[in-house]
Amino acid sequence: MIDFLSGVHAVDLILLIVAAEIIAITLYWHATRRGIAPAQLLPNLAAGALLLLALRLSLSDYSWPWYTACLALAGVANVADLRQRWR
């Protein structure tokens, strides 16, 4: 169990959970029109998913431009989220 939690597979599991969260929230919102609209939540979840992807790439020994690009995109998604919430 410790090997699983210390490896890239734990990050893969978390990324799957985030994807399931996006799908569940979107389906719930489209069915009920209640809760958080997916468009309002997407920048926040994208920033988190990109940070997780950067972690996964760095743990998998990918070259630095790949996870640096994920970090930069996470920053862009974070700015989009802050801009959206600032209003």
N, C-alpha and C. Protein backbone atom coordinates (compact mmCIF):
# COMPACT_ATOMS: atom_id res chain seq x y z
N MET A 1 0.82 -1.20 0.00
CA MET A 1 0.00 0.00 0.00
C MET A 1 0.86 1.25 0.00
N ILE A 2 1.96 1.22 0.75
CA ILE A 2 2.86 2.37 0.80
C ILE A 2 3.46 2.63 -0.57
N ASP A 3 3.82 1.56 -1.30
CA ASP A 3 4.37 1.73 -2.63
C ASP A 3 3.37 2.40 -3.57
N PHE A 4 2.10 2.02 -3.44
CA PHE A 4 1.07 2.62 -4.28
C PHE A 4 0.94 4.11 -4.00
N LEU A 5 0.91 4.47 -2.73
CA LEU A 5 0.71 5.87 -2.34
C LEU A 5 1.92 6.74 -2.65
N SER A 6 3.10 6.15 -2.74
CA SER A 6 4.29 6.95 -2.99
C SER A 6 4.63 7.03 -4.49
N GLY A 7 3.89 6.35 -5.32
CA GLY A 7 4.19 6.34 -6.74
C GLY A 7 3.24 7.19 -7.56
N VAL A 8 3.40 7.07 -8.86
CA VAL A 8 2.58 7.85 -9.77
C VAL A 8 1.14 7.35 -9.83
N HIS A 9 0.91 6.12 -9.37
CA HIS A 9 -0.43 5.56 -9.45
C HIS A 9 -1.41 6.28 -8.52
N ALA A 10 -0.92 6.80 -7.42
CA ALA A 10 -1.78 7.57 -6.53
C ALA A 10 -2.23 8.85 -7.22
N VAL A 11 -1.34 9.48 -7.96
CA VAL A 11 -1.68 10.69 -8.70
C VAL A 11 -2.70 10.34 -9.80
N ASP A 12 -2.51 9.21 -10.46
CA ASP A 12 -3.47 8.76 -11.47
C ASP A 12 -4.86 8.57 -10.86
N LEU A 13 -4.91 7.99 -9.67
CA LEU A 13 -6.18 7.78 -8.99
C LEU A 13 -6.85 9.12 -8.66
N ILE A 14 -6.08 10.07 -8.19
CA ILE A 14 -6.64 11.39 -7.86
C ILE A 14 -7.14 12.08 -9.13
N LEU A 15 -6.40 11.96 -10.23
CA LEU A 15 -6.85 12.54 -11.50
C LEU A 15 -8.16 11.90 -11.97
N LEU A 16 -8.31 10.61 -11.76
CA LEU A 16 -9.58 9.95 -12.10
C LEU A 16 -10.72 10.46 -11.23
N ILE A 17 -10.44 10.69 -9.96
CA ILE A 17 -11.46 11.21 -9.06
C ILE A 17 -11.87 12.62 -9.48
N VAL A 18 -10.91 13.45 -9.88
CA VAL A 18 -11.23 14.80 -10.35
C VAL A 18 -12.08 14.73 -11.62
N ALA A 19 -11.74 13.82 -12.54
CA ALA A 19 -12.53 13.66 -13.76
C ALA A 19 -13.95 13.21 -13.43
N ALA A 20 -14.09 12.28 -12.50
CA ALA A 20 -15.42 11.83 -12.08
C ALA A 20 -16.20 12.96 -11.42
N GLU A 21 -15.51 13.80 -10.68
CA GLU A 21 -16.15 14.96 -10.04
C GLU A 21 -16.69 15.92 -11.09
N ILE A 22 -15.90 16.19 -12.11
CA ILE A 22 -16.35 17.08 -13.19
C ILE A 22 -17.59 16.51 -13.88
N ILE A 23 -17.55 15.23 -14.18
CA ILE A 23 -18.69 14.59 -14.85
C ILE A 23 -19.93 14.62 -13.96
N ALA A 24 -19.77 14.28 -12.68
CA ALA A 24 -20.92 14.24 -11.76
C ALA A 24 -21.53 15.62 -11.57
N ILE A 25 -20.70 16.63 -11.40
CA ILE A 25 -21.22 17.99 -11.20
C ILE A 25 -21.92 18.47 -12.47
N THR A 26 -21.35 18.19 -13.62
CA THR A 26 -21.97 18.60 -14.88
C THR A 26 -23.31 17.91 -15.09
N LEU A 27 -23.37 16.61 -14.86
CA LEU A 27 -24.63 15.88 -15.03
C LEU A 27 -25.68 16.37 -14.04
N TYR A 28 -25.29 16.59 -12.78
CA TYR A 28 -26.23 17.08 -11.78
C TYR A 28 -26.75 18.46 -12.15
N TRP A 29 -25.86 19.32 -12.58
CA TRP A 29 -26.28 20.68 -12.92
C TRP A 29 -27.22 20.69 -14.13
N HIS A 30 -26.92 19.88 -15.14
CA HIS A 30 -27.78 19.84 -16.32
C HIS A 30 -29.15 19.22 -16.01
N ALA A 31 -29.18 18.32 -15.04
CA ALA A 31 -30.45 17.68 -14.68
C ALA A 31 -31.31 18.57 -13.80
N THR A 32 -30.70 19.34 -12.91
CA THR A 32 -31.46 20.10 -11.92
C THR A 32 -31.34 21.61 -12.03
N ARG A 33 -30.32 22.09 -12.72
CA ARG A 33 -29.99 23.52 -12.78
C ARG A 33 -29.76 24.08 -11.37
N ARG A 34 -29.26 23.25 -10.49
CA ARG A 34 -28.93 23.65 -9.12
C ARG A 34 -27.45 23.36 -8.88
N GLY A 35 -26.90 24.05 -7.92
CA GLY A 35 -25.50 23.85 -7.59
C GLY A 35 -24.61 24.81 -8.36
N ILE A 36 -23.38 24.43 -8.50
CA ILE A 36 -22.40 25.28 -9.19
C ILE A 36 -22.44 24.95 -10.68
N ALA A 37 -22.56 25.98 -11.48
CA ALA A 37 -22.54 25.78 -12.94
C ALA A 37 -21.16 25.30 -13.36
N PRO A 38 -21.11 24.32 -14.25
CA PRO A 38 -19.81 23.79 -14.67
C PRO A 38 -18.86 24.84 -15.22
N ALA A 39 -19.38 25.84 -15.91
CA ALA A 39 -18.52 26.89 -16.46
C ALA A 39 -17.83 27.69 -15.36
N GLN A 40 -18.48 27.81 -14.21
CA GLN A 40 -17.88 28.54 -13.10
C GLN A 40 -16.85 27.70 -12.36
N LEU A 41 -17.01 26.40 -12.41
CA LEU A 41 -16.13 25.51 -11.67
C LEU A 41 -14.93 25.03 -12.49
N LEU A 42 -15.06 25.05 -13.79
CA LEU A 42 -14.04 24.47 -14.66
C LEU A 42 -12.65 25.07 -14.50
N PRO A 43 -12.48 26.40 -14.42
CA PRO A 43 -11.12 26.93 -14.26
C PRO A 43 -10.43 26.44 -12.99
N ASN A 44 -11.18 26.33 -11.91
CA ASN A 44 -10.61 25.86 -10.65
C ASN A 44 -10.19 24.40 -10.75
N LEU A 45 -11.06 23.56 -11.29
CA LEU A 45 -10.72 22.14 -11.43
C LEU A 45 -9.61 21.93 -12.45
N ALA A 46 -9.59 22.74 -13.49
CA ALA A 46 -8.51 22.62 -14.49
C ALA A 46 -7.16 22.97 -13.87
N ALA A 47 -7.13 24.01 -13.04
CA ALA A 47 -5.87 24.37 -12.37
C ALA A 47 -5.38 23.24 -11.48
N GLY A 48 -6.28 22.66 -10.72
CA GLY A 48 -5.89 21.54 -9.86
C GLY A 48 -5.44 20.33 -10.65
N ALA A 49 -6.17 20.01 -11.71
CA ALA A 49 -5.81 18.86 -12.54
C ALA A 49 -4.46 19.07 -13.23
N LEU A 50 -4.19 20.28 -13.66
CA LEU A 50 -2.90 20.56 -14.30
C LEU A 50 -1.75 20.49 -13.30
N LEU A 51 -1.99 20.90 -12.07
CA LEU A 51 -0.96 20.74 -11.04
C LEU A 51 -0.69 19.27 -10.77
N LEU A 52 -1.76 18.47 -10.71
CA LEU A 52 -1.58 17.03 -10.52
C LEU A 52 -0.86 16.40 -11.70
N LEU A 53 -1.19 16.84 -12.90
CA LEU A 53 -0.51 16.31 -14.08
C LEU A 53 0.97 16.68 -14.07
N ALA A 54 1.29 17.89 -13.64
CA ALA A 54 2.70 18.29 -13.54
C ALA A 54 3.43 17.41 -12.52
N LEU A 55 2.78 17.11 -11.41
CA LEU A 55 3.37 16.22 -10.41
C LEU A 55 3.59 14.84 -10.99
N ARG A 56 2.59 14.34 -11.71
CA ARG A 56 2.71 13.01 -12.28
C ARG A 56 3.84 12.94 -13.31
N LEU A 57 3.96 13.97 -14.14
CA LEU A 57 5.03 13.99 -15.13
C LEU A 57 6.40 14.08 -14.49
N SER A 58 6.50 14.86 -13.43
CA SER A 58 7.81 14.98 -12.77
C SER A 58 8.18 13.69 -12.05
N LEU A 59 7.20 12.99 -11.48
CA LEU A 59 7.48 11.70 -10.83
C LEU A 59 7.83 10.62 -11.84
N SER A 60 7.36 10.79 -13.07
CA SER A 60 7.62 9.80 -14.12
C SER A 60 8.89 10.10 -14.90
N ASP A 61 9.65 11.08 -14.44
CA ASP A 61 10.92 11.45 -15.07
C ASP A 61 10.78 11.95 -16.50
N TYR A 62 9.68 12.65 -16.78
CA TYR A 62 9.57 13.34 -18.06
C TYR A 62 10.52 14.54 -18.04
N SER A 63 10.86 15.03 -19.21
CA SER A 63 11.76 16.17 -19.25
C SER A 63 11.03 17.42 -18.74
N TRP A 64 11.83 18.36 -18.27
CA TRP A 64 11.28 19.52 -17.58
C TRP A 64 10.32 20.37 -18.41
N PRO A 65 10.43 20.49 -19.74
CA PRO A 65 9.47 21.34 -20.45
C PRO A 65 8.02 20.87 -20.33
N TRP A 66 7.82 19.56 -20.18
CA TRP A 66 6.46 19.05 -20.10
C TRP A 66 5.78 19.48 -18.81
N TYR A 67 6.43 19.27 -17.69
CA TYR A 67 5.74 19.65 -16.45
C TYR A 67 5.80 21.15 -16.21
N THR A 68 6.77 21.83 -16.80
CA THR A 68 6.77 23.29 -16.71
C THR A 68 5.60 23.88 -17.50
N ALA A 69 5.29 23.28 -18.64
CA ALA A 69 4.13 23.73 -19.42
C ALA A 69 2.84 23.51 -18.64
N CYS A 70 2.74 22.37 -17.95
CA CYS A 70 1.55 22.12 -17.12
C CYS A 70 1.45 23.14 -15.99
N LEU A 71 2.56 23.49 -15.39
CA LEU A 71 2.54 24.49 -14.33
C LEU A 71 2.13 25.86 -14.87
N ALA A 72 2.62 26.20 -16.05
CA ALA A 72 2.24 27.49 -16.65
C ALA A 72 0.75 27.51 -16.98
N LEU A 73 0.24 26.42 -17.53
CA LEU A 73 -1.19 26.35 -17.84
C LEU A 73 -2.04 26.37 -16.57
N ALA A 74 -1.54 25.76 -15.50
CA ALA A 74 -2.25 25.82 -14.22
C ALA A 74 -2.32 27.26 -13.72
N GLY A 75 -1.26 28.01 -13.93
CA GLY A 75 -1.27 29.43 -13.56
C GLY A 75 -2.28 30.22 -14.37
N VAL A 76 -2.37 29.92 -15.65
CA VAL A 76 -3.35 30.60 -16.51
C VAL A 76 -4.77 30.25 -16.06
N ALA A 77 -5.01 28.99 -15.75
CA ALA A 77 -6.34 28.58 -15.27
C ALA A 77 -6.66 29.23 -13.93
N ASN A 78 -5.66 29.37 -13.09
CA ASN A 78 -5.86 30.02 -11.79
C ASN A 78 -6.21 31.50 -11.97
N VAL A 79 -5.53 32.17 -12.88
CA VAL A 79 -5.85 33.58 -13.16
C VAL A 79 -7.27 33.70 -13.71
N ALA A 80 -7.66 32.78 -14.59
CA ALA A 80 -9.02 32.79 -15.13
C ALA A 80 -10.04 32.59 -14.02
N ASP A 81 -9.74 31.69 -13.09
CA ASP A 81 -10.64 31.46 -11.96
C ASP A 81 -10.74 32.70 -11.08
N LEU A 82 -9.61 33.32 -10.78
CA LEU A 82 -9.63 34.54 -9.95
C LEU A 82 -10.37 35.67 -10.64
N ARG A 83 -10.17 35.81 -11.92
CA ARG A 83 -10.87 36.86 -12.68
C ARG A 83 -12.37 36.66 -12.64
N GLN A 84 -12.77 35.41 -12.79
CA GLN A 84 -14.19 35.07 -12.77
C GLN A 84 -14.81 35.34 -11.38
N ARG A 85 -14.08 35.03 -10.33
CA ARG A 85 -14.61 35.20 -8.98
C ARG A 85 -14.53 36.66 -8.50
N TRP A 86 -13.67 37.45 -9.10
CA TRP A 86 -13.44 38.82 -8.65
C TRP A 86 -14.68 39.69 -8.85
N ARG A 87 -15.46 39.38 -9.85
CA ARG A 87 -16.64 40.20 -10.17
C ARG A 87 -17.67 40.20 -9.09
